[in-house]
């Protein structure tokens, strides 16, 4: 039987909770007489000058604390950051990447989440099919935003087919409720060739554009296809011509929407531009890089940051030799940045290596899905210099572990060279080229986003 209340994992030293002698093992039972469903209830009640908190101490004592915290955080860390069980996905999407995972990987990689609460905490995209009326009411009541929505298509029948959920079309009505309440949203379309592209994509953009500016952005990304698709819905990769047609369609809408609303709204992912062999758009067309986590504008932003970082530095006479590995998708762009660095610092040498994804298959080209074993196999015997740099997207969030459970230390031992983890910005990249010491990791764990309850 699950215990009531929410278990305290730790208390920040010197915090209000510490001063009140709360400790790990205690349970927060109620605030202002109300049981807490999850982190949003907790933060909602903390959005005040004072509260009454009921606590069950680890020794069984029941405390009632009147806390004048004046909107300050109490310094309590719960056993579960969500303060609730994660909700699994009810869909069986024809494009789901988790269904394309090989057997034998760690259990957490097979968990499909579709939890709207993670949209606010971690930026996850949700399909809305897992949301009840109560969930929608809480979003509106607590003024939670933005909510990131995997739309894919606004054709109700097609959405039911793509998500393999008979309620998927009906759940689109939630968009209207969020729009009417003024809840900021972002949308996503995973584009599948011959299914929701072409005229269907045109319909989706047209339908969603009526929510502008409440819906702040819409990304269009190509479906990822691994080599593990036996028994799954037959999907085809996009060709150069397909990518060109998709970009043309999106850019026509960008021009139209910018003239009407002052925002480009819909964006093709970098992958489409690379596949089409076209330069990525100028920085102003990304509307502040709202969809960066979906691979929209990463290449442009990196280029701007690298150029700025190099412009602000003088060359030196230091001799050094290091290496950097990346995926197929970004390789040609990273090569330009490495060449620019080597030109500014001729005595420093950066070797760049292009890593093919043999684990998931050659059609997977992003750096974030490269495994430790692919790095090991393709870098053994290469000139890596005194250290190897790897982007943080290759590692599990908050840890130094690859998708296949190989650790940074294990890769270091296999390659016999220190491995540094580099943050994603161009500034961090240049800084790592210049200053990171052997074996030092510049990685910092992910932190939950703050929720605005105003």
Protein backbone atom coordinates (compact mmCIF):
# COMPACT_ATOMS: atom_id res chain seq x y z
CA UNK A 1 0.00 0.00 0.00
CA UNK A 2 1.40 3.39 -1.03
CA UNK A 3 1.97 5.80 1.82
CA UNK A 4 0.16 9.13 1.80
CA UNK A 5 1.97 12.41 1.57
CA UNK A 6 5.20 13.21 -0.24
CA UNK A 7 8.53 11.90 0.99
CA UNK A 8 11.28 14.44 1.58
CA UNK A 9 14.55 13.27 0.03
CA UNK A 10 16.71 16.09 1.40
CA UNK A 11 16.59 19.61 2.81
CA UNK A 12 18.90 22.41 1.67
CA UNK A 13 21.27 23.49 4.48
CA UNK A 14 20.32 26.87 5.95
CA UNK A 15 16.93 26.88 4.20
CA UNK A 16 13.57 27.61 5.83
CA UNK A 17 12.86 23.88 5.98
CA UNK A 18 16.22 23.30 7.68
CA UNK A 19 15.46 25.97 10.28
CA UNK A 20 12.10 24.28 10.92
CA UNK A 21 13.97 20.99 11.55
CA UNK A 22 12.43 19.17 8.60
CA UNK A 23 14.61 16.34 7.36
CA UNK A 24 14.95 13.46 4.93
CA UNK A 25 12.35 10.78 5.66
CA UNK A 26 9.64 13.24 6.73
CA UNK A 27 6.45 13.48 4.68
CA UNK A 28 4.57 16.59 3.64
CA UNK A 29 0.91 15.64 4.11
CA UNK A 30 -1.09 18.83 3.43
CA UNK A 31 -0.72 22.54 2.83
CA UNK A 32 -3.52 24.84 3.99
CA UNK A 33 -5.62 21.77 4.64
CA UNK A 34 -5.29 20.45 1.08
CA UNK A 35 -3.59 17.26 -0.05
CA UNK A 36 -1.02 17.78 -2.80
CA UNK A 37 -1.39 15.96 -6.08
CA UNK A 38 1.99 16.92 -7.52
CA UNK A 39 4.66 19.59 -7.82
CA UNK A 40 2.21 22.09 -9.30
CA UNK A 41 -0.05 21.98 -6.26
CA UNK A 42 3.02 22.43 -4.06
CA UNK A 43 4.33 25.43 -6.00
CA UNK A 44 0.85 26.94 -6.24
CA UNK A 45 0.46 27.01 -2.46
CA UNK A 46 3.98 28.37 -2.04
CA UNK A 47 2.99 31.34 -4.18
CA UNK A 48 1.90 33.19 -1.03
CA UNK A 49 3.35 34.96 2.01
CA UNK A 50 2.48 32.21 4.50
CA UNK A 51 1.14 28.65 4.64
CA UNK A 52 0.13 26.02 7.17
CA UNK A 53 1.95 22.74 6.46
CA UNK A 54 1.08 19.38 7.99
CA UNK A 55 4.08 17.08 8.26
CA UNK A 56 4.43 13.44 9.30
CA UNK A 57 7.88 13.09 10.84
CA UNK A 58 9.98 10.01 10.19
CA UNK A 59 9.51 9.00 13.85
CA UNK A 60 5.72 9.12 13.51
CA UNK A 61 5.12 12.53 15.09
CA UNK A 62 2.54 14.78 13.42
CA UNK A 63 3.54 18.44 13.12
CA UNK A 64 1.50 21.45 12.04
CA UNK A 65 3.74 24.32 11.02
CA UNK A 66 2.70 27.90 10.40
CA UNK A 67 5.30 29.15 7.93
CA UNK A 68 5.80 32.81 7.03
CA UNK A 69 8.05 32.35 4.00
CA UNK A 70 7.17 35.51 2.03
CA UNK A 71 7.15 33.68 -1.32
CA UNK A 72 10.60 32.16 -0.70
CA UNK A 73 11.35 28.55 -1.59
CA UNK A 74 11.37 26.30 1.47
CA UNK A 75 14.40 24.28 0.40
CA UNK A 76 12.62 20.92 0.32
CA UNK A 77 13.72 18.30 -2.22
CA UNK A 78 11.23 15.50 -2.77
CA UNK A 79 11.86 11.87 -3.61
CA UNK A 80 10.25 12.41 -7.00
CA UNK A 81 10.73 15.75 -8.74
CA UNK A 82 7.21 15.53 -10.11
CA UNK A 83 5.84 14.44 -6.70
CA UNK A 84 3.75 11.91 -8.62
CA UNK A 85 4.10 8.86 -10.84
CA UNK A 86 4.90 9.59 -14.47
CA UNK A 87 2.08 8.97 -16.93
CA UNK A 88 2.86 6.58 -19.74
CA UNK A 89 1.76 7.10 -23.32
CA UNK A 90 -1.51 5.55 -24.49
CA UNK A 91 -0.67 5.93 -28.17
CA UNK A 92 1.13 3.64 -30.56
CA UNK A 93 2.37 6.23 -33.03
CA UNK A 94 3.46 4.96 -36.43
CA UNK A 95 6.66 7.03 -36.10
CA UNK A 96 7.51 6.34 -32.45
CA UNK A 97 11.28 6.07 -32.03
CA UNK A 98 11.00 4.03 -28.85
CA UNK A 99 9.36 1.25 -30.85
CA UNK A 100 12.48 1.31 -33.04
CA UNK A 101 14.87 0.60 -30.18
CA UNK A 102 16.83 -2.67 -30.18
CA UNK A 103 16.21 -5.18 -27.37
CA UNK A 104 18.44 -5.41 -24.34
CA UNK A 105 18.83 -1.73 -23.49
CA UNK A 106 18.11 -0.24 -20.06
CA UNK A 107 14.46 -0.33 -19.05
CA UNK A 108 14.01 3.44 -18.82
CA UNK A 109 14.68 3.82 -22.55
CA UNK A 110 11.51 1.86 -23.33
CA UNK A 111 9.25 4.03 -21.17
CA UNK A 112 6.95 6.23 -23.26
CA UNK A 113 5.90 9.32 -21.37
CA UNK A 114 3.01 11.52 -22.43
CA UNK A 115 2.71 13.55 -19.27
CA UNK A 116 1.56 17.14 -19.70
CA UNK A 117 3.29 18.10 -16.46
CA UNK A 118 6.68 17.28 -17.98
CA UNK A 119 5.88 19.75 -20.73
CA UNK A 120 6.18 22.56 -18.19
CA UNK A 121 9.01 21.07 -16.15
CA UNK A 122 11.30 19.75 -18.87
CA UNK A 123 9.93 21.03 -22.16
CA UNK A 124 8.59 17.64 -23.29
CA UNK A 125 6.03 17.52 -26.10
CA UNK A 126 2.70 15.85 -25.34
CA UNK A 127 -0.12 14.62 -27.59
CA UNK A 128 -3.02 15.76 -25.32
CA UNK A 129 -4.55 12.25 -25.52
CA UNK A 130 -3.56 11.57 -21.92
CA UNK A 131 -5.21 14.68 -20.50
CA UNK A 132 -8.45 14.79 -18.56
CA UNK A 133 -10.77 17.76 -18.08
CA UNK A 134 -9.22 18.15 -14.66
CA UNK A 135 -5.74 18.38 -16.18
CA UNK A 136 -6.83 21.12 -18.55
CA UNK A 137 -8.59 22.98 -15.74
CA UNK A 138 -5.43 22.89 -13.61
CA UNK A 139 -3.29 24.24 -16.46
CA UNK A 140 -5.66 27.15 -16.87
CA UNK A 141 -6.13 27.70 -13.14
CA UNK A 142 -2.42 27.63 -12.33
CA UNK A 143 -1.51 29.67 -15.45
CA UNK A 144 1.03 27.05 -16.45
CA UNK A 145 2.91 27.80 -19.64
CA UNK A 146 4.06 27.15 -22.20
CA UNK A 147 2.59 23.77 -23.04
CA UNK A 148 4.41 21.95 -25.85
CA UNK A 149 2.08 19.93 -28.04
CA UNK A 150 2.82 17.15 -30.53
CA UNK A 151 0.11 17.97 -33.06
CA UNK A 152 1.42 16.13 -36.14
CA UNK A 153 -1.80 16.84 -38.06
CA UNK A 154 -5.03 18.74 -37.52
CA UNK A 155 -6.96 16.22 -39.62
CA UNK A 156 -8.84 14.31 -36.87
CA UNK A 157 -9.13 11.06 -38.82
CA UNK A 158 -5.51 11.12 -39.90
CA UNK A 159 -4.39 11.92 -36.35
CA UNK A 160 -6.25 8.87 -35.06
CA UNK A 161 -4.40 6.78 -37.64
CA UNK A 162 -0.97 8.26 -36.95
CA UNK A 163 -1.27 7.98 -33.17
CA UNK A 164 -3.22 4.71 -33.36
CA UNK A 165 -5.63 6.14 -30.81
CA UNK A 166 -9.33 6.62 -31.52
CA UNK A 167 -9.45 9.63 -29.21
CA UNK A 168 -6.53 11.44 -30.88
CA UNK A 169 -8.76 13.52 -33.14
CA UNK A 170 -11.13 14.50 -30.34
CA UNK A 171 -8.23 15.69 -28.15
CA UNK A 172 -7.46 18.44 -30.67
CA UNK A 173 -10.39 20.34 -29.13
CA UNK A 174 -8.15 21.00 -26.11
CA UNK A 175 -6.25 23.45 -28.32
CA UNK A 176 -9.34 25.65 -28.42
CA UNK A 177 -9.67 25.64 -24.64
CA UNK A 178 -6.03 26.56 -24.15
CA UNK A 179 -6.30 29.28 -26.79
CA UNK A 180 -9.44 30.74 -25.23
CA UNK A 181 -7.68 30.81 -21.85
CA UNK A 182 -4.66 32.56 -23.37
CA UNK A 183 -2.29 29.70 -22.51
CA UNK A 184 0.98 30.03 -24.47
CA UNK A 185 1.66 26.95 -26.62
CA UNK A 186 4.28 25.54 -28.97
CA UNK A 187 3.51 22.92 -31.59
CA UNK A 188 5.39 20.11 -33.27
CA UNK A 189 4.85 18.09 -36.42
CA UNK A 190 6.81 14.89 -36.99
CA UNK A 191 6.57 14.70 -40.76
CA UNK A 192 6.06 11.30 -42.39
CA UNK A 193 6.45 10.98 -46.14
CA UNK A 194 3.16 10.42 -47.97
CA UNK A 195 1.13 10.68 -44.78
CA UNK A 196 1.02 14.12 -43.17
CA UNK A 197 3.21 16.04 -45.62
CA UNK A 198 2.16 17.94 -48.75
CA UNK A 199 -1.45 19.14 -48.65
CA UNK A 200 -1.94 17.68 -45.16
CA UNK A 201 0.94 19.78 -43.87
CA UNK A 202 -0.61 22.79 -45.58
CA UNK A 203 -3.87 22.13 -43.73
CA UNK A 204 -2.09 21.71 -40.40
CA UNK A 205 -0.16 24.98 -40.71
CA UNK A 206 -3.30 26.83 -41.81
CA UNK A 207 -5.36 25.43 -38.92
CA UNK A 208 -2.72 26.15 -36.27
CA UNK A 209 -1.92 29.62 -37.57
CA UNK A 210 -5.27 30.86 -36.27
CA UNK A 211 -3.93 30.34 -32.73
CA UNK A 212 -1.09 32.84 -33.31
CA UNK A 213 0.22 34.55 -31.19
CA UNK A 214 -1.09 32.31 -28.38
CA UNK A 215 0.64 29.43 -30.16
CA UNK A 216 4.10 30.90 -30.38
CA UNK A 217 5.79 28.47 -32.75
CA UNK A 218 5.43 25.30 -34.79
CA UNK A 219 8.34 23.04 -35.73
CA UNK A 220 8.32 20.56 -38.59
CA UNK A 221 10.85 17.75 -38.18
CA UNK A 222 11.42 14.65 -40.33
CA UNK A 223 10.62 11.25 -38.86
CA UNK A 224 13.64 9.39 -37.48
CA UNK A 225 13.99 5.89 -38.91
CA UNK A 226 16.28 3.36 -37.23
CA UNK A 227 17.20 -0.02 -38.65
CA UNK A 228 14.95 -1.76 -36.11
CA UNK A 229 11.59 -1.40 -37.86
CA UNK A 230 10.56 -4.99 -38.47
CA UNK A 231 6.80 -5.34 -38.06
CA UNK A 232 6.25 -1.58 -37.79
CA UNK A 233 4.30 0.72 -40.09
CA UNK A 234 6.18 1.11 -43.42
CA UNK A 235 7.74 4.55 -43.56
CA UNK A 236 10.11 5.97 -46.16
CA UNK A 237 12.95 8.46 -45.71
CA UNK A 238 12.64 11.92 -47.28
CA UNK A 239 14.60 12.69 -50.44
CA UNK A 240 16.34 15.94 -51.38
CA UNK A 241 13.35 16.86 -53.53
CA UNK A 242 10.94 16.15 -50.66
CA UNK A 243 12.96 18.40 -48.37
CA UNK A 244 13.00 21.21 -50.93
CA UNK A 245 9.22 21.02 -51.36
CA UNK A 246 8.67 21.05 -47.59
CA UNK A 247 10.95 24.04 -47.09
CA UNK A 248 9.30 25.96 -49.93
CA UNK A 249 5.88 25.36 -48.41
CA UNK A 250 7.01 26.43 -44.94
CA UNK A 251 8.82 29.53 -46.16
CA UNK A 252 5.71 30.70 -48.05
CA UNK A 253 3.80 30.48 -44.76
CA UNK A 254 6.60 32.26 -42.90
CA UNK A 255 6.34 35.24 -45.24
CA UNK A 256 2.56 35.33 -44.98
CA UNK A 257 2.48 35.04 -41.18
CA UNK A 258 5.26 37.55 -40.62
CA UNK A 259 3.36 40.13 -42.65
CA UNK A 260 0.19 39.43 -40.65
CA UNK A 261 1.55 38.88 -37.14
CA UNK A 262 5.22 39.88 -37.03
CA UNK A 263 6.30 36.28 -36.37
CA UNK A 264 7.46 33.54 -38.74
CA UNK A 265 5.69 30.96 -36.52
CA UNK A 266 6.40 27.77 -38.50
CA UNK A 267 9.95 26.45 -38.89
CA UNK A 268 11.57 23.56 -40.72
CA UNK A 269 14.20 21.73 -38.70
CA UNK A 270 17.88 22.02 -39.62
CA UNK A 271 17.76 18.48 -40.96
CA UNK A 272 15.47 19.52 -43.82
CA UNK A 273 17.87 22.28 -44.88
CA UNK A 274 20.83 19.92 -44.78
CA UNK A 275 18.97 17.29 -46.79
CA UNK A 276 17.93 19.92 -49.34
CA UNK A 277 21.48 21.24 -49.58
CA UNK A 278 20.33 24.75 -48.72
CA UNK A 279 21.87 27.24 -46.29
CA UNK A 280 20.02 27.55 -43.00
CA UNK A 281 17.98 30.76 -42.56
CA UNK A 282 19.39 33.96 -41.11
CA UNK A 283 19.14 34.42 -37.35
CA UNK A 284 16.20 36.85 -37.48
CA UNK A 285 13.98 34.20 -39.05
CA UNK A 286 14.12 31.94 -35.97
CA UNK A 287 12.04 34.29 -33.76
CA UNK A 288 14.41 33.96 -30.83
CA UNK A 289 15.13 30.23 -31.30
CA UNK A 290 11.93 29.06 -29.57
CA UNK A 291 12.20 25.57 -31.07
CA UNK A 292 15.92 25.02 -30.49
CA UNK A 293 15.37 21.73 -28.62
CA UNK A 294 13.64 20.34 -31.71
CA UNK A 295 16.70 20.94 -33.86
CA UNK A 296 15.37 24.22 -35.27
CA UNK A 297 18.10 26.83 -35.55
CA UNK A 298 20.86 24.93 -33.78
CA UNK A 299 23.22 25.26 -36.73
CA UNK A 300 22.57 28.98 -37.18
CA UNK A 301 22.92 29.73 -33.46
CA UNK A 302 26.15 27.74 -33.20
CA UNK A 303 27.59 29.58 -36.20
CA UNK A 304 26.70 32.98 -34.72
CA UNK A 305 28.18 32.08 -31.33
CA UNK A 306 31.39 30.60 -32.72
CA UNK A 307 31.94 33.64 -34.93
CA UNK A 308 31.33 35.98 -31.99
CA UNK A 309 33.58 33.96 -29.67
CA UNK A 310 36.46 33.97 -32.16
CA UNK A 311 35.99 37.65 -32.97
CA UNK A 312 36.40 38.60 -29.33
CA UNK A 313 39.67 36.69 -28.89
CA UNK A 314 43.21 37.20 -30.07
CA UNK A 315 45.25 34.31 -31.41
CA UNK A 316 48.18 32.96 -29.40
CA UNK A 317 51.34 30.90 -29.86
CA UNK A 318 50.26 27.99 -27.62
CA UNK A 319 50.84 24.56 -29.12
CA UNK A 320 48.10 22.02 -28.53
CA UNK A 321 46.41 19.08 -30.22
CA UNK A 322 42.91 17.85 -29.37
CA UNK A 323 39.97 16.20 -31.10
CA UNK A 324 36.20 16.53 -31.45
CA UNK A 325 33.63 13.95 -32.56
CA UNK A 326 30.15 14.66 -33.90
CA UNK A 327 27.36 13.07 -35.89
CA UNK A 328 26.91 12.97 -39.65
CA UNK A 329 24.25 15.70 -39.62
CA UNK A 330 26.42 18.43 -38.12
CA UNK A 331 29.80 17.33 -39.47
CA UNK A 332 30.12 19.70 -42.45
CA UNK A 333 29.11 22.68 -40.32
CA UNK A 334 31.43 21.71 -37.47
CA UNK A 335 34.23 21.35 -39.99
CA UNK A 336 33.86 25.04 -40.92
CA UNK A 337 34.04 26.04 -37.26
CA UNK A 338 37.11 23.91 -36.65
CA UNK A 339 38.81 25.38 -39.73
CA UNK A 340 38.02 28.90 -38.51
CA UNK A 341 39.52 28.07 -35.13
CA UNK A 342 42.64 26.50 -36.63
CA UNK A 343 43.11 29.58 -38.82
CA UNK A 344 42.94 31.88 -35.78
CA UNK A 345 45.20 29.60 -33.70
CA UNK A 346 47.63 27.98 -36.18
CA UNK A 347 49.69 26.28 -33.44
CA UNK A 348 46.60 24.60 -31.98
CA UNK A 349 45.28 21.61 -33.88
CA UNK A 350 41.70 20.29 -33.61
CA UNK A 351 40.99 16.98 -35.33
CA UNK A 352 37.30 16.52 -36.24
CA UNK A 353 35.80 13.04 -36.59
CA UNK A 354 32.52 12.10 -38.24
CA UNK A 355 30.76 9.29 -36.39
CA UNK A 356 28.31 7.11 -38.31
CA UNK A 357 25.43 5.64 -36.36
CA UNK A 358 25.97 1.93 -36.84
CA UNK A 359 24.00 1.13 -33.69
CA UNK A 360 20.66 2.56 -34.86
CA UNK A 361 21.42 2.65 -38.58
CA UNK A 362 22.83 5.12 -41.08
CA UNK A 363 19.56 7.08 -41.41
CA UNK A 364 20.01 8.31 -37.83
CA UNK A 365 22.44 11.19 -38.16
CA UNK A 366 22.04 13.38 -35.05
CA UNK A 367 24.79 13.51 -32.43
CA UNK A 368 22.33 12.91 -29.59
CA UNK A 369 21.76 9.29 -30.63
CA UNK A 370 25.40 8.26 -30.96
CA UNK A 371 26.40 5.45 -28.61
CA UNK A 372 29.60 4.82 -26.73
CA UNK A 373 30.33 1.69 -28.70
CA UNK A 374 30.14 3.57 -32.04
CA UNK A 375 32.56 6.16 -30.67
CA UNK A 376 34.90 3.47 -29.42
CA UNK A 377 34.88 1.45 -32.64
CA UNK A 378 35.35 4.43 -34.95
CA UNK A 379 37.91 6.36 -32.89
CA UNK A 380 40.26 3.57 -31.78
CA UNK A 381 43.63 4.15 -33.41
CA UNK A 382 42.80 7.70 -34.52
CA UNK A 383 44.95 10.69 -33.62
CA UNK A 384 42.94 12.19 -30.77
CA UNK A 385 45.59 14.51 -29.43
CA UNK A 386 45.79 15.02 -25.66
CA UNK A 387 42.01 14.90 -25.15
CA UNK A 388 38.71 14.18 -26.92
CA UNK A 389 35.73 16.57 -26.78
CA UNK A 390 32.16 15.27 -26.99
CA UNK A 391 28.92 17.29 -27.00
CA UNK A 392 26.73 16.90 -23.92
CA UNK A 393 23.76 15.72 -26.04
CA UNK A 394 25.49 12.35 -26.38
CA UNK A 395 25.05 11.72 -22.65
CA UNK A 396 22.11 10.83 -20.45
CA UNK A 397 20.72 13.92 -18.73
CA UNK A 398 22.50 14.55 -15.46
CA UNK A 399 24.98 11.69 -15.91
CA UNK A 400 28.10 10.77 -17.84
CA UNK A 401 26.55 7.73 -19.52
CA UNK A 402 25.82 7.08 -23.20
CA UNK A 403 22.59 5.56 -24.56
CA UNK A 404 24.14 2.08 -24.54
CA UNK A 405 25.19 2.47 -20.86
CA UNK A 406 28.88 2.88 -21.63
CA UNK A 407 30.32 5.50 -19.29
CA UNK A 408 32.66 8.36 -20.05
CA UNK A 409 35.31 6.65 -17.94
CA UNK A 410 34.96 3.40 -19.90
CA UNK A 411 35.38 5.26 -23.18
CA UNK A 412 38.42 7.08 -21.80
CA UNK A 413 39.99 3.76 -20.84
CA UNK A 414 39.24 2.25 -24.25
CA UNK A 415 40.67 5.20 -26.18
CA UNK A 416 43.46 5.94 -23.69
CA UNK A 417 42.72 9.66 -23.77
CA UNK A 418 40.75 11.98 -21.45
CA UNK A 419 37.21 12.71 -22.63
CA UNK A 420 35.70 16.15 -21.96
CA UNK A 421 31.95 16.82 -22.17
CA UNK A 422 31.20 20.19 -23.76
CA UNK A 423 28.04 22.21 -23.38
CA UNK A 424 26.05 23.02 -26.49
CA UNK A 425 26.84 26.68 -27.18
CA UNK A 426 29.45 27.98 -29.57
CA UNK A 427 31.02 29.95 -26.73
CA UNK A 428 31.46 26.77 -24.70
CA UNK A 429 32.95 25.02 -27.73
CA UNK A 430 35.63 27.66 -28.29
CA UNK A 431 36.28 27.84 -24.54
CA UNK A 432 36.78 24.06 -24.49
CA UNK A 433 39.18 24.28 -27.46
CA UNK A 434 41.23 26.80 -25.53
CA UNK A 435 41.04 26.18 -21.82
CA UNK A 436 39.50 22.90 -20.60
CA UNK A 437 42.10 20.92 -18.65
CA UNK A 438 42.73 17.22 -19.15
CA UNK A 439 39.95 15.07 -17.77
CA UNK A 440 37.82 18.03 -16.74
CA UNK A 441 34.12 17.81 -17.56
CA UNK A 442 32.28 21.05 -18.29
CA UNK A 443 28.97 19.22 -17.94
CA UNK A 444 26.32 20.49 -15.52
CA UNK A 445 23.18 18.46 -14.66
CA UNK A 446 19.80 19.52 -15.99
CA UNK A 447 17.74 21.73 -13.71
CA UNK A 448 13.95 21.92 -13.69
CA UNK A 449 12.44 25.04 -15.16
CA UNK A 450 10.67 27.45 -12.86
CA UNK A 451 6.90 27.67 -13.26
CA UNK A 452 5.20 31.06 -13.56
CA UNK A 453 2.05 31.16 -11.44
CA UNK A 454 1.29 34.81 -12.03
